[in-house]
C-alpha atoms as a PDB file:
ATOM      1  CA  MET A   1       9.345 -20.184 -32.015  1.00  0.00           C
ATOM      2  CA  SER A   2       8.586 -22.388 -29.031  1.00  0.00           C
ATOM      3  CA  THR A   3       9.206 -20.200 -25.781  1.00  0.00           C
ATOM      4  CA  ARG A   4       9.263 -21.250 -22.012  1.00  0.00           C
ATOM      5  CA  THR A   5       9.008 -18.554 -19.472  1.00  0.00           C
ATOM      6  CA  PHE A   6      10.094 -19.312 -15.664  1.00  0.00           C
ATOM      7  CA  PHE A   7       8.216 -17.156 -13.261  1.00  0.00           C
ATOM      8  CA  ASN A   8       9.458 -16.756  -9.696  1.00  0.00           C
ATOM      9  CA  PHE A   9      10.583 -13.006  -8.789  1.00  0.00           C
ATOM     10  CA  ASP A  10      11.768 -11.963 -12.494  1.00  0.00           C
ATOM     11  CA  ARG A  11      11.062 -13.507 -16.265  1.00  0.00           C
ATOM     12  CA  LEU A  12      13.609 -15.542 -17.820  1.00  0.00           C
ATOM     13  CA  VAL A  13      12.691 -16.760 -21.239  1.00  0.00           C
ATOM     14  CA  SER A  14      14.275 -19.088 -22.773  1.00  0.00           C
ATOM     15  CA  GLN A  15      13.923 -19.101 -27.086  1.00  0.00           C
ATOM     16  CA  LYS A  16      14.575 -22.258 -28.712  1.00  0.00           C
ATOM     17  CA  GLY A  17      16.529 -21.735 -32.192  1.00  0.00           C
ATOM     18  CA  SER A  18      12.726 -20.827 -33.714  1.00  0.00           C
ATOM     19  CA  GLY A  19      12.467 -23.933 -35.650  1.00  0.00           C
ATOM     20  CA  ALA A  20       8.799 -23.252 -35.510  1.00  0.00           C
ATOM     21  CA  HIS A  21       9.077 -20.539 -37.748  1.00  0.00           C
ATOM     22  CA  VAL A  22      11.199 -22.686 -40.300  1.00  0.00           C
ATOM     23  CA  VAL A  23       8.209 -25.534 -40.533  1.00  0.00           C
ATOM     24  CA  ALA A  24       5.507 -22.438 -40.659  1.00  0.00           C
ATOM     25  CA  GLY A  25       7.280 -21.214 -43.929  1.00  0.00           C
ATOM     26  CA  VAL A  26       7.985 -24.493 -45.156  1.00  0.00           C
ATOM     27  CA  ILE A  27       4.104 -25.463 -44.886  1.00  0.00           C
ATOM     28  CA  VAL A  28       3.039 -22.079 -46.049  1.00  0.00           C
ATOM     29  CA  LEU A  29       5.206 -22.882 -49.219  1.00  0.00           C
ATOM     30  CA  VAL A  30       4.360 -26.414 -49.684  1.00  0.00           C
ATOM     31  CA  VAL A  31       0.181 -25.741 -49.639  1.00  0.00           C
ATOM     32  CA  GLY A  32       0.363 -22.239 -50.865  1.00  0.00           C
ATOM     33  CA  LEU A  33       2.404 -23.575 -54.281  1.00  0.00           C
ATOM     34  CA  ALA A  34      -0.108 -26.713 -54.309  1.00  0.00           C
ATOM     35  CA  VAL A  35      -3.075 -24.540 -54.419  1.00  0.00           C
ATOM     36  CA  ALA A  36      -1.423 -22.166 -56.584  1.00  0.00           C
ATOM     37  CA  SER A  37      -0.776 -24.512 -59.093  1.00  0.00           C
ATOM     38  CA  ALA A  38      -4.449 -26.432 -58.578  1.00  0.00           C
ATOM     39  CA  VAL A  39      -6.193 -23.123 -59.416  1.00  0.00           C
ATOM     40  CA  GLY A  40      -3.380 -22.199 -62.079  1.00  0.00           C
ATOM     41  CA  SER A  41      -2.894 -18.542 -60.461  1.00  0.00           C
ATOM     42  CA  VAL A  42       1.048 -17.136 -61.405  1.00  0.00           C
ATOM     43  CA  GLU A  43       0.151 -14.322 -58.733  1.00  0.00           C
ATOM     44  CA  LEU A  44      -0.731 -16.712 -55.812  1.00  0.00           C
ATOM     45  CA  ALA A  45       2.189 -18.440 -56.260  1.00  0.00           C
ATOM     46  CA  TYR A  46       4.124 -15.704 -56.142  1.00  0.00           C
ATOM     47  CA  ALA A  47       2.440 -13.887 -53.317  1.00  0.00           C
ATOM     48  CA  VAL A  48       2.862 -17.865 -50.956  1.00  0.00           C
ATOM     49  CA  THR A  49       5.993 -18.196 -52.049  1.00  0.00           C
ATOM     50  CA  ALA A  50       7.061 -14.558 -51.019  1.00  0.00           C
ATOM     51  CA  ILE A  51       5.170 -14.941 -47.748  1.00  0.00           C
ATOM     52  CA  GLY A  52       6.539 -18.037 -46.762  1.00  0.00           C
ATOM     53  CA  ILE A  53      10.099 -16.990 -47.631  1.00  0.00           C
ATOM     54  CA  ALA A  54       9.785 -13.956 -44.927  1.00  0.00           C
ATOM     55  CA  VAL A  55       8.466 -16.399 -42.319  1.00  0.00           C
ATOM     56  CA  ILE A  56      11.382 -18.634 -42.681  1.00  0.00           C
ATOM     57  CA  ILE A  57      13.711 -15.479 -42.956  1.00  0.00           C
ATOM     58  CA  SER A  58      12.169 -14.474 -39.633  1.00  0.00           C
ATOM     59  CA  ALA A  59      13.375 -17.366 -37.741  1.00  0.00           C
ATOM     60  CA  PHE A  60      16.790 -16.308 -38.228  1.00  0.00           C
ATOM     61  CA  LEU A  61      16.062 -13.338 -36.710  1.00  0.00           C
ATOM     62  CA  MET A  62      15.206 -11.736 -32.873  1.00  0.00           C
ATOM     63  CA  ILE A  63      14.906  -8.073 -31.526  1.00  0.00           C
ATOM     64  CA  ILE A  64      16.361  -7.972 -28.501  1.00  0.00           C
ATOM     65  CA  LYS A  65      14.549  -4.750 -25.962  1.00  0.00           C
ATOM     66  CA  GLN A  66      16.959  -2.179 -24.473  1.00  0.00           C
ATOM     67  CA  TYR A  67      16.759  -3.259 -20.930  1.00  0.00           C
ATOM     68  CA  GLU A  68      17.859  -7.223 -22.154  1.00  0.00           C
ATOM     69  CA  ARG A  69      20.549  -9.134 -22.372  1.00  0.00           C
ATOM     70  CA  ALA A  70      20.530 -12.074 -24.268  1.00  0.00           C
ATOM     71  CA  VAL A  71      22.898 -15.478 -24.207  1.00  0.00           C
ATOM     72  CA  ILE A  72      23.044 -17.514 -27.244  1.00  0.00           C
ATOM     73  CA  LEU A  73      23.659 -21.122 -26.379  1.00  0.00           C
ATOM     74  CA  ARG A  74      25.292 -23.123 -29.777  1.00  0.00           C
ATOM     75  CA  LEU A  75      24.510 -26.971 -29.818  1.00  0.00           C
ATOM     76  CA  GLY A  76      24.401 -26.235 -25.818  1.00  0.00           C
ATOM     77  CA  ARG A  77      27.749 -24.615 -25.479  1.00  0.00           C
ATOM     78  CA  PHE A  78      28.242 -20.787 -24.469  1.00  0.00           C
ATOM     79  CA  HIS A  79      28.463 -19.117 -27.866  1.00  0.00           C
ATOM     80  CA  LYS A  80      28.275 -15.059 -27.148  1.00  0.00           C
ATOM     81  CA  GLN A  81      26.201 -12.376 -25.582  1.00  0.00           C
ATOM     82  CA  VAL A  82      24.321  -9.814 -27.542  1.00  0.00           C
ATOM     83  CA  GLY A  83      22.836  -6.520 -26.713  1.00  0.00           C
ATOM     84  CA  PRO A  84      19.973  -4.610 -27.462  1.00  0.00           C
ATOM     85  CA  GLY A  85      18.540  -4.448 -31.233  1.00  0.00           C
ATOM     86  CA  VAL A  86      18.119  -7.015 -34.166  1.00  0.00           C
ATOM     87  CA  GLN A  87      20.193 -10.030 -33.803  1.00  0.00           C
ATOM     88  CA  THR A  88      20.817 -13.037 -35.820  1.00  0.00           C
ATOM     89  CA  ARG A  89      20.198 -16.765 -34.734  1.00  0.00           C
ATOM     90  CA  ILE A  90      20.589 -20.110 -36.372  1.00  0.00           C
ATOM     91  CA  PRO A  91      17.300 -22.224 -35.922  1.00  0.00           C
ATOM     92  CA  PHE A  92      17.666 -25.658 -34.371  1.00  0.00           C
ATOM     93  CA  VAL A  93      21.176 -25.148 -33.334  1.00  0.00           C
ATOM     94  CA  ASP A  94      20.893 -21.476 -31.266  1.00  0.00           C
ATOM     95  CA  ASN A  95      19.117 -21.541 -27.649  1.00  0.00           C
ATOM     96  CA  VAL A  96      18.786 -18.027 -26.699  1.00  0.00           C
ATOM     97  CA  LEU A  97      18.065 -17.006 -23.090  1.00  0.00           C
ATOM     98  CA  VAL A  98      16.994 -13.169 -22.500  1.00  0.00           C
ATOM     99  CA  ILE A  99      17.573 -11.602 -19.003  1.00  0.00           C
ATOM    100  CA  ASP A 100      16.203  -8.340 -17.669  1.00  0.00           C
ATOM    101  CA  ILE A 101      18.795  -6.104 -16.507  1.00  0.00           C
ATOM    102  CA  ARG A 102      16.704  -3.299 -14.654  1.00  0.00           C
ATOM    103  CA  GLU A 103      17.032  -2.426 -11.295  1.00  0.00           C
ATOM    104  CA  LYS A 104      14.858  -4.881  -9.174  1.00  0.00           C
ATOM    105  CA  VAL A 105      13.842  -4.614  -5.484  1.00  0.00           C
ATOM    106  CA  ARG A 106      13.229  -7.681  -3.492  1.00  0.00           C
ATOM    107  CA  GLU A 107      11.618  -7.638   0.335  1.00  0.00           C
ATOM    108  CA  PHE A 108      12.910 -10.078   2.806  1.00  0.00           C
ATOM    109  CA  THR A 109      12.444 -10.585   6.526  1.00  0.00           C
ATOM    110  CA  ALA A 110      13.941 -11.971   9.605  1.00  0.00           C
ATOM    111  CA  GLU A 111      11.077 -13.575  12.024  1.00  0.00           C
ATOM    112  CA  ARG A 112      11.236 -13.645  15.599  1.00  0.00           C
ATOM    113  CA  MET A 113      14.994 -13.782  15.340  1.00  0.00           C
ATOM    114  CA  LEU A 114      17.083 -13.473  19.216  1.00  0.00           C
ATOM    115  CA  THR A 115      19.884 -10.502  19.166  1.00  0.00           C
ATOM    116  CA  LYS A 116      22.920 -10.634  21.240  1.00  0.00           C
ATOM    117  CA  ASP A 117      21.273  -9.226  24.407  1.00  0.00           C
ATOM    118  CA  ASN A 118      18.049 -11.986  23.914  1.00  0.00           C
ATOM    119  CA  VAL A 119      15.859  -9.740  22.387  1.00  0.00           C
ATOM    120  CA  PRO A 120      12.900 -11.089  19.951  1.00  0.00           C
ATOM    121  CA  VAL A 121      12.556  -9.216  16.865  1.00  0.00           C
ATOM    122  CA  THR A 122      10.844  -9.362  13.490  1.00  0.00           C
ATOM    123  CA  ILE A 123      12.955  -7.509  10.933  1.00  0.00           C
ATOM    124  CA  ASP A 124      11.467  -6.217   7.286  1.00  0.00           C
ATOM    125  CA  ALA A 125      14.159  -5.446   4.741  1.00  0.00           C
ATOM    126  CA  ILE A 126      14.445  -4.302   1.216  1.00  0.00           C
ATOM    127  CA  LEU A 127      17.283  -5.308  -1.325  1.00  0.00           C
ATOM    128  CA  ARG A 128      17.994  -3.178  -4.386  1.00  0.00           C
ATOM    129  CA  TYR A 129      20.005  -5.412  -7.228  1.00  0.00           C
ATOM    130  CA  ARG A 130      20.828  -5.517 -10.838  1.00  0.00           C
ATOM    131  CA  ILE A 131      22.350  -7.738 -13.156  1.00  0.00           C
ATOM    132  CA  ILE A 132      25.744  -6.320 -14.524  1.00  0.00           C
ATOM    133  CA  GLU A 133      25.416  -5.700 -17.756  1.00  0.00           C
ATOM    134  CA  ASP A 134      28.271  -7.496 -19.253  1.00  0.00           C
ATOM    135  CA  ARG A 135      28.083 -10.327 -17.211  1.00  0.00           C
ATOM    136  CA  ALA A 136      24.260 -11.374 -17.713  1.00  0.00           C
ATOM    137  CA  ARG A 137      25.746 -14.564 -18.873  1.00  0.00           C
ATOM    138  CA  ASP A 138      26.918 -15.202 -15.059  1.00  0.00           C
ATOM    139  CA  ALA A 139      23.513 -14.905 -13.749  1.00  0.00           C
ATOM    140  CA  ILE A 140      22.205 -17.611 -16.263  1.00  0.00           C
ATOM    141  CA  LEU A 141      25.233 -19.869 -16.141  1.00  0.00           C
ATOM    142  CA  ASN A 142      26.377 -19.899 -12.718  1.00  0.00           C
ATOM    143  CA  VAL A 143      23.522 -19.962 -10.821  1.00  0.00           C
ATOM    144  CA  GLU A 144      20.196 -22.258 -11.426  1.00  0.00           C
ATOM    145  CA  ASN A 145      17.835 -19.156 -10.021  1.00  0.00           C
ATOM    146  CA  PHE A 146      19.594 -16.160  -9.254  1.00  0.00           C
ATOM    147  CA  ASN A 147      16.526 -14.355  -8.242  1.00  0.00           C
ATOM    148  CA  ASP A 148      15.574 -17.497  -5.293  1.00  0.00           C
ATOM    149  CA  MET A 149      19.346 -17.609  -4.677  1.00  0.00           C
ATOM    150  CA  ILE A 150      19.840 -14.213  -3.517  1.00  0.00           C
ATOM    151  CA  GLN A 151      16.462 -13.980  -1.545  1.00  0.00           C
ATOM    152  CA  GLN A 152      18.066 -16.936   0.325  1.00  0.00           C
ATOM    153  CA  VAL A 153      21.298 -14.987   0.894  1.00  0.00           C
ATOM    154  CA  SER A 154      19.806 -12.073   1.979  1.00  0.00           C
ATOM    155  CA  GLN A 155      17.900 -13.775   4.833  1.00  0.00           C
ATOM    156  CA  THR A 156      20.649 -15.535   5.967  1.00  0.00           C
ATOM    157  CA  THR A 157      22.600 -12.517   6.369  1.00  0.00           C
ATOM    158  CA  LEU A 158      20.413 -10.592   7.814  1.00  0.00           C
ATOM    159  CA  ARG A 159      19.528 -13.356  11.005  1.00  0.00           C
ATOM    160  CA  ASN A 160      23.363 -13.754  11.203  1.00  0.00           C
ATOM    161  CA  ASN A 161      23.992 -10.124  11.379  1.00  0.00           C
ATOM    162  CA  ILE A 162      20.765  -9.633  14.050  1.00  0.00           C
ATOM    163  CA  GLY A 163      22.304 -12.692  16.211  1.00  0.00           C
ATOM    164  CA  ALA A 164      25.474 -10.922  16.354  1.00  0.00           C
ATOM    165  CA  SER A 165      24.133  -7.369  17.160  1.00  0.00           C
ATOM    166  CA  GLN A 166      22.818  -5.597  20.263  1.00  0.00           C
ATOM    167  CA  PHE A 167      19.338  -4.642  20.208  1.00  0.00           C
ATOM    168  CA  GLN A 168      20.197  -1.081  20.753  1.00  0.00           C
ATOM    169  CA  ASP A 169      22.677  -0.915  17.954  1.00  0.00           C
ATOM    170  CA  ILE A 170      20.054  -2.205  15.673  1.00  0.00           C
ATOM    171  CA  LEU A 171      18.120   0.663  16.785  1.00  0.00           C
ATOM    172  CA  SER A 172      20.648   3.533  17.305  1.00  0.00           C
ATOM    173  CA  LYS A 173      22.963   2.411  14.117  1.00  0.00           C
ATOM    174  CA  ARG A 174      20.652   1.235  11.346  1.00  0.00           C
ATOM    175  CA  GLU A 175      23.101   2.782   8.841  1.00  0.00           C
ATOM    176  CA  ASP A 176      26.302   0.448   9.926  1.00  0.00           C
ATOM    177  CA  VAL A 177      23.694  -2.811   9.969  1.00  0.00           C
ATOM    178  CA  ASN A 178      22.636  -1.969   6.425  1.00  0.00           C
ATOM    179  CA  LYS A 179      25.955  -1.348   5.071  1.00  0.00           C
ATOM    180  CA  HIS A 180      27.432  -4.516   6.502  1.00  0.00           C
ATOM    181  CA  ILE A 181      24.310  -6.431   5.102  1.00  0.00           C
ATOM    182  CA  LYS A 182      25.073  -5.204   1.896  1.00  0.00           C
ATOM    183  CA  GLU A 183      29.103  -5.984   1.960  1.00  0.00           C
ATOM    184  CA  VAL A 184      27.857  -9.482   2.926  1.00  0.00           C
ATOM    185  CA  ILE A 185      25.614  -9.740   0.031  1.00  0.00           C
ATOM    186  CA  ALA A 186      27.375  -8.219  -2.381  1.00  0.00           C
ATOM    187  CA  GLU A 187      30.608 -10.724  -1.706  1.00  0.00           C
ATOM    188  CA  GLU A 188      28.428 -13.866  -2.067  1.00  0.00           C
ATOM    189  CA  SER A 189      26.959 -12.547  -5.392  1.00  0.00           C
ATOM    190  CA  ARG A 190      30.035 -11.438  -7.136  1.00  0.00           C
ATOM    191  CA  SER A 191      30.042 -14.806  -8.869  1.00  0.00           C
ATOM    192  CA  TRP A 192      26.683 -14.488 -10.376  1.00  0.00           C
ATOM    193  CA  GLY A 193      27.092 -11.046 -12.129  1.00  0.00           C
ATOM    194  CA  ILE A 194      24.635  -9.354  -9.590  1.00  0.00           C
ATOM    195  CA  GLU A 195      25.535  -5.861  -8.591  1.00  0.00           C
ATOM    196  CA  VAL A 196      23.802  -5.404  -5.077  1.00  0.00           C
ATOM    197  CA  ARG A 197      22.855  -1.350  -4.854  1.00  0.00           C
ATOM    198  CA  GLY A 198      21.604  -1.383  -1.240  1.00  0.00           C
ATOM    199  CA  VAL A 199      20.028  -2.638   1.733  1.00  0.00           C
ATOM    200  CA  GLU A 200      17.602  -0.392   3.947  1.00  0.00           C
ATOM    201  CA  ILE A 201      15.512  -2.201   7.071  1.00  0.00           C
ATOM    202  CA  ARG A 202      12.377  -0.817   7.257  1.00  0.00           C
ATOM    203  CA  GLN A 203      10.953  -2.279  10.378  1.00  0.00           C
ATOM    204  CA  VAL A 204      11.582  -3.236  13.551  1.00  0.00           C
ATOM    205  CA  ALA A 205       9.253  -5.212  15.373  1.00  0.00           C
ATOM    206  CA  ILE A 206       9.220  -6.275  18.765  1.00  0.00           C
ATOM    207  CA  PRO A 207       6.608  -8.405  21.371  1.00  0.00           C
ATOM    208  CA  LYS A 208       4.101  -5.932  22.757  1.00  0.00           C
ATOM    209  CA  GLU A 209       5.180  -7.099  26.186  1.00  0.00           C
ATOM    210  CA  LEU A 210       8.525  -5.728  25.546  1.00  0.00           C
ATOM    211  CA  GLU A 211       7.417  -2.645  23.809  1.00  0.00           C
ATOM    212  CA  ASP A 212       5.551  -1.731  26.990  1.00  0.00           C
ATOM    213  CA  ALA A 213       8.481  -2.531  29.290  1.00  0.00           C
ATOM    214  CA  MET A 214      10.428  -0.396  27.194  1.00  0.00           C
ATOM    215  CA  SER A 215       8.040   2.633  27.288  1.00  0.00           C
ATOM    216  CA  MET A 216       7.893   2.217  31.122  1.00  0.00           C
ATOM    217  CA  GLN A 217      11.569   2.567  30.940  1.00  0.00           C
ATOM    218  CA  ALA A 218      11.970   5.752  28.926  1.00  0.00           C
ATOM    219  CA  GLN A 219       9.228   7.156  31.168  1.00  0.00           C
ATOM    220  CA  ALA A 220      11.021   6.916  34.428  1.00  0.00           C
ATOM    221  CA  GLU A 221      14.280   8.206  32.593  1.00  0.00           C
ATOM    222  CA  ARG A 222      12.050  11.007  31.540  1.00  0.00           C
ATOM    223  CA  GLU A 223      10.759  11.342  35.312  1.00  0.00           C
ATOM    224  CA  LYS A 224      14.618  11.081  36.363  1.00  0.00           C
ATOM    225  CA  ASN A 225      15.443  13.652  34.322  1.00  0.00           C
ATOM    226  CA  ALA A 226      13.075  16.321  35.187  1.00  0.00           C
ATOM    227  CA  ARG A 227      13.667  15.665  38.898  1.00  0.00           C
ATOM    228  CA  VAL A 228      17.228  16.124  38.424  1.00  0.00           C
ATOM    229  CA  THR A 229      16.647  19.609  36.164  1.00  0.00           C
ATOM    230  CA  TYR A 230      14.543  20.543  38.869  1.00  0.00           C
ATOM    231  CA  GLY A 231      17.096  19.659  42.134  1.00  0.00           C
ATOM    232  CA  GLU A 232      19.582  21.671  40.130  1.00  0.00           C
ATOM    233  CA  SER A 233      17.512  24.783  39.439  1.00  0.00           C
ATOM    234  CA  GLU A 234      16.961  24.529  43.246  1.00  0.00           C
ATOM    235  CA  VAL A 235      20.342  24.596  43.935  1.00  0.00           C
ATOM    236  CA  LEU A 236      20.674  27.700  41.392  1.00  0.00           C
ATOM    237  CA  VAL A 237      18.201  29.298  43.278  1.00  0.00           C
ATOM    238  CA  ALA A 238      19.500  29.126  46.734  1.00  0.00           C
ATOM    239  CA  LYS A 239      22.824  30.277  45.708  1.00  0.00           C
ATOM    240  CA  GLN A 240      21.176  33.560  44.426  1.00  0.00           C
ATOM    241  CA  PHE A 241      19.378  33.751  47.902  1.00  0.00           C
ATOM    242  CA  GLU A 242      22.610  33.320  49.387  1.00  0.00           C
ATOM    243  CA  GLU A 243      23.946  36.187  47.361  1.00  0.00           C
ATOM    244  CA  ALA A 244      20.835  38.429  48.453  1.00  0.00           C
ATOM    245  CA  ALA A 245      21.543  37.841  51.832  1.00  0.00           C
ATOM    246  CA  ARG A 246      24.923  38.687  51.888  1.00  0.00           C
ATOM    247  CA  VAL A 247      24.315  42.286  49.926  1.00  0.00           C
ATOM    248  CA  TYR A 248      21.128  42.809  52.539  1.00  0.00           C
ATOM    249  CA  THR A 249      23.507  42.158  55.399  1.00  0.00           C
ATOM    250  CA  ASP A 250      26.131  44.948  54.363  1.00  0.00           C
ATOM    251  CA  ASN A 251      23.496  47.373  53.437  1.00  0.00           C
ATOM    252  CA  PRO A 252      20.373  47.664  55.777  1.00  0.00           C
ATOM    253  CA  VAL A 253      18.662  49.880  53.693  1.00  0.00           C
ATOM    254  CA  ALA A 254      18.803  47.888  50.599  1.00  0.00           C
ATOM    255  CA  TYR A 255      17.325  45.337  52.874  1.00  0.00           C
ATOM    256  CA  ALA A 256      14.350  47.933  54.363  1.00  0.00           C
ATOM    257  CA  LEU A 257      13.357  49.196  50.691  1.00  0.00           C
ATOM    258  CA  ARG A 258      13.212  45.399  49.672  1.00  0.00           C
ATOM    259  CA  GLN A 259      10.513  44.612  52.685  1.00  0.00           C
ATOM    260  CA  SER A 260       8.710  48.017  51.287  1.00  0.00           C
ATOM    261  CA  ASN A 261       8.472  46.643  47.947  1.00  0.00           C
ATOM    262  CA  MET A 262       7.298  43.097  48.752  1.00  0.00           C
ATOM    263  CA  LEU A 263       4.656  44.974  51.330  1.00  0.00           C
ATOM    264  CA  TYR A 264       3.382  47.151  48.322  1.00  0.00           C
ATOM    265  CA  GLU A 265       3.324  44.086  46.138  1.00  0.00           C
ATOM    266  CA  SER A 266       1.322  42.238  48.382  1.00  0.00           C
ATOM    267  CA  ILE A 267      -1.558  44.944  48.828  1.00  0.00           C
ATOM    268  CA  LYS A 268      -1.273  45.598  45.212  1.00  0.00           C
ATOM    269  CA  VAL A 269      -1.992  41.717  44.470  1.00  0.00           C
ATOM    270  CA  GLN A 270      -4.712  41.329  47.018  1.00  0.00           C
ATOM    271  CA  GLY A 271      -6.728  44.778  46.582  1.00  0.00           C
ATOM    272  CA  ASN A 272      -9.213  44.783  49.367  1.00  0.00           C
ATOM    273  CA  THR A 273      -7.936  42.056  51.409  1.00  0.00           C
ATOM    274  CA  ILE A 274      -6.692  42.662  55.184  1.00  0.00           C
ATOM    275  CA  VAL A 275      -2.883  41.997  54.965  1.00  0.00           C
ATOM    276  CA  MET A 276      -1.603  41.110  58.133  1.00  0.00           C
ATOM    277  CA  VAL A 277       2.228  42.234  58.681  1.00  0.00           C
ATOM    278  CA  PRO A 278       4.638  41.325  61.159  1.00  0.00           C
ATOM    279  CA  SER A 279       5.508  44.143  63.825  1.00  0.00           C
ATOM    280  CA  GLU A 280       9.106  43.382  63.178  1.00  0.00           C
ATOM    281  CA  SER A 281       9.077  43.799  59.765  1.00  0.00           C
ATOM    282  CA  LEU A 282       7.560  47.368  59.903  1.00  0.00           C
ATOM    283  CA  ASN A 283      10.362  47.891  62.856  1.00  0.00           C
ATOM    284  CA  SER A 284      13.268  46.812  60.815  1.00  0.00           C
ATOM    285  CA  ILE A 285      11.528  49.621  58.463  1.00  0.00           C
ATOM    286  CA  GLY A 286      11.120  52.147  60.118  1.00  0.00           C
ATOM    287  CA  PHE A 287       7.292  52.080  60.742  1.00  0.00           C
ATOM    288  CA  GLY A 288       7.207  50.962  64.365  1.00  0.00           C
ATOM    289  CA  ASN A 289       5.158  54.081  64.929  1.00  0.00           C
ATOM    290  CA  LEU A 290       1.529  53.152  64.600  1.00  0.00           C
ATOM    291  CA  ALA A 291       0.275  56.440  62.965  1.00  0.00           C
ATOM    292  CA  LEU A 292       2.686  56.097  60.998  1.00  0.00           C
ATOM    293  CA  THR A 293       2.155  52.942  59.394  1.00  0.00           C
ATOM    294  CA  GLU A 294      -1.408  53.741  58.545  1.00  0.00           C
ATOM    295  CA  ALA A 295      -0.499  56.538  57.128  1.00  0.00           C
ATOM    296  CA  TYR A 296       1.786  54.494  55.025  1.00  0.00           C
ATOM    297  CA  LEU A 297      -0.452  51.696  54.183  1.00  0.00           C
ATOM    298  CA  GLU A 298      -3.379  53.802  53.244  1.00  0.00           C
ATOM    299  CA  ASN A 299      -1.027  55.886  50.711  1.00  0.00           C
ATOM    300  CA  VAL A 300       0.279  52.307  49.352  1.00  0.00           C
ATOM    301  CA  LYS A 301      -3.966  51.420  49.531  1.00  0.00           C
ATOM    302  CA  ASN A 302      -4.655  54.291  47.420  1.00  0.00           C
ATOM    303  CA  ALA A 303      -1.897  54.229  44.975  1.00  0.00           C
ATOM    304  CA  ALA A 304      -2.529  50.627  43.895  1.00  0.00           C
ATOM    305  CA  ALA A 305      -6.087  51.444  43.549  1.00  0.00           C
ATOM    306  CA  LYS A 306      -5.137  54.494  41.219  1.00  0.00           C
ATOM    307  CA  SER A 307      -2.819  51.998  39.343  1.00  0.00           C
ATOM    308  CA  ALA A 308      -5.884  49.581  38.790  1.00  0.00           C
ATOM    309  CA  GLU A 309      -8.372  52.232  37.646  1.00  0.00           C
ATOM    310  CA  LYS A 310      -5.596  54.046  35.140  1.00  0.00           C
ATOM    311  CA  GLY A 311      -5.417  50.111  33.712  1.00  0.00           C
ATOM    312  CA  ARG A 312      -9.323  49.330  33.331  1.00  0.00           C
ATOM    313  CA  GLY A 313      -9.166  53.228  31.574  1.00  0.00           C
ATOM    314  CA  GLU A 314      -7.014  52.175  29.350  1.00  0.00           C
ATOM    315  CA  GLU A 315      -8.242  48.778  28.400  1.00  0.00           C
ATOM    316  CA  LYS A 316     -11.519  50.760  27.553  1.00  0.00           C
ATOM    317  CA  LYS A 317     -10.255  53.024  25.369  1.00  0.00           C
ATOM    318  CA  SER A 318      -8.465  50.319  23.399  1.00  0.00           C
END
């Protein structure tokens, strides 16, 4: 059996009519019978005859694997397509082409292509496809090398799609781009008996200078958003102060209590540090008298000290 194998991406096996098996069987018969006749051995003659006939019969048989399909050309013309199992052929007459129908994955790249908004990009993608079982003859007879052809179509389609798309769309709408490329490739390869299962863009690369510029732009955008958020918070705080001012204007007692609380909080935080309190603030809360003010401040200081001691005691217990 003479076999030719073509290597590109896949294996396409061309099996001639297995005339070599017939020739080998005839040689075994002639030589074996001659030797058996020379030595006068009947048993040897029977054994050689059986071997020679088995070799000749094997030339009429072939085994097709489960993941393969075979196309038989009889005298150069398409005869039939056969599936897996033991199949028959006619030596010197049939030419058998066997093709793998398992799903395949191919990589293809578009290098330094310009998008619609003139951004140079390099895109790596993968293509998943398989030979349709019932149309294996189309993949063999309608195209010289379907693997090489589908890769060329994939690269061309990817380049055309990049040139017609905005750079931002390629990044944000990748699923739509994948779907469009898949549809175009599937339409082109339909007559080849190929089913396109999927197209996926794996990586989008841009020049380092453009990458740095985009990083700076993104950082500036984040800073702008932070400043806007800070300004909005300032507006909300100012509105709250405005509401508090209206409450204190209508209720002097509440205003005095608020000032007293602020004074207490300041002394509690500062500890033994002398805190300067404007006399206007003391007058507004009724502490214009010096003696009364000193008594109040002393009481506040003692309260703060007791609170601190209590806190330290709890910490020691824990």
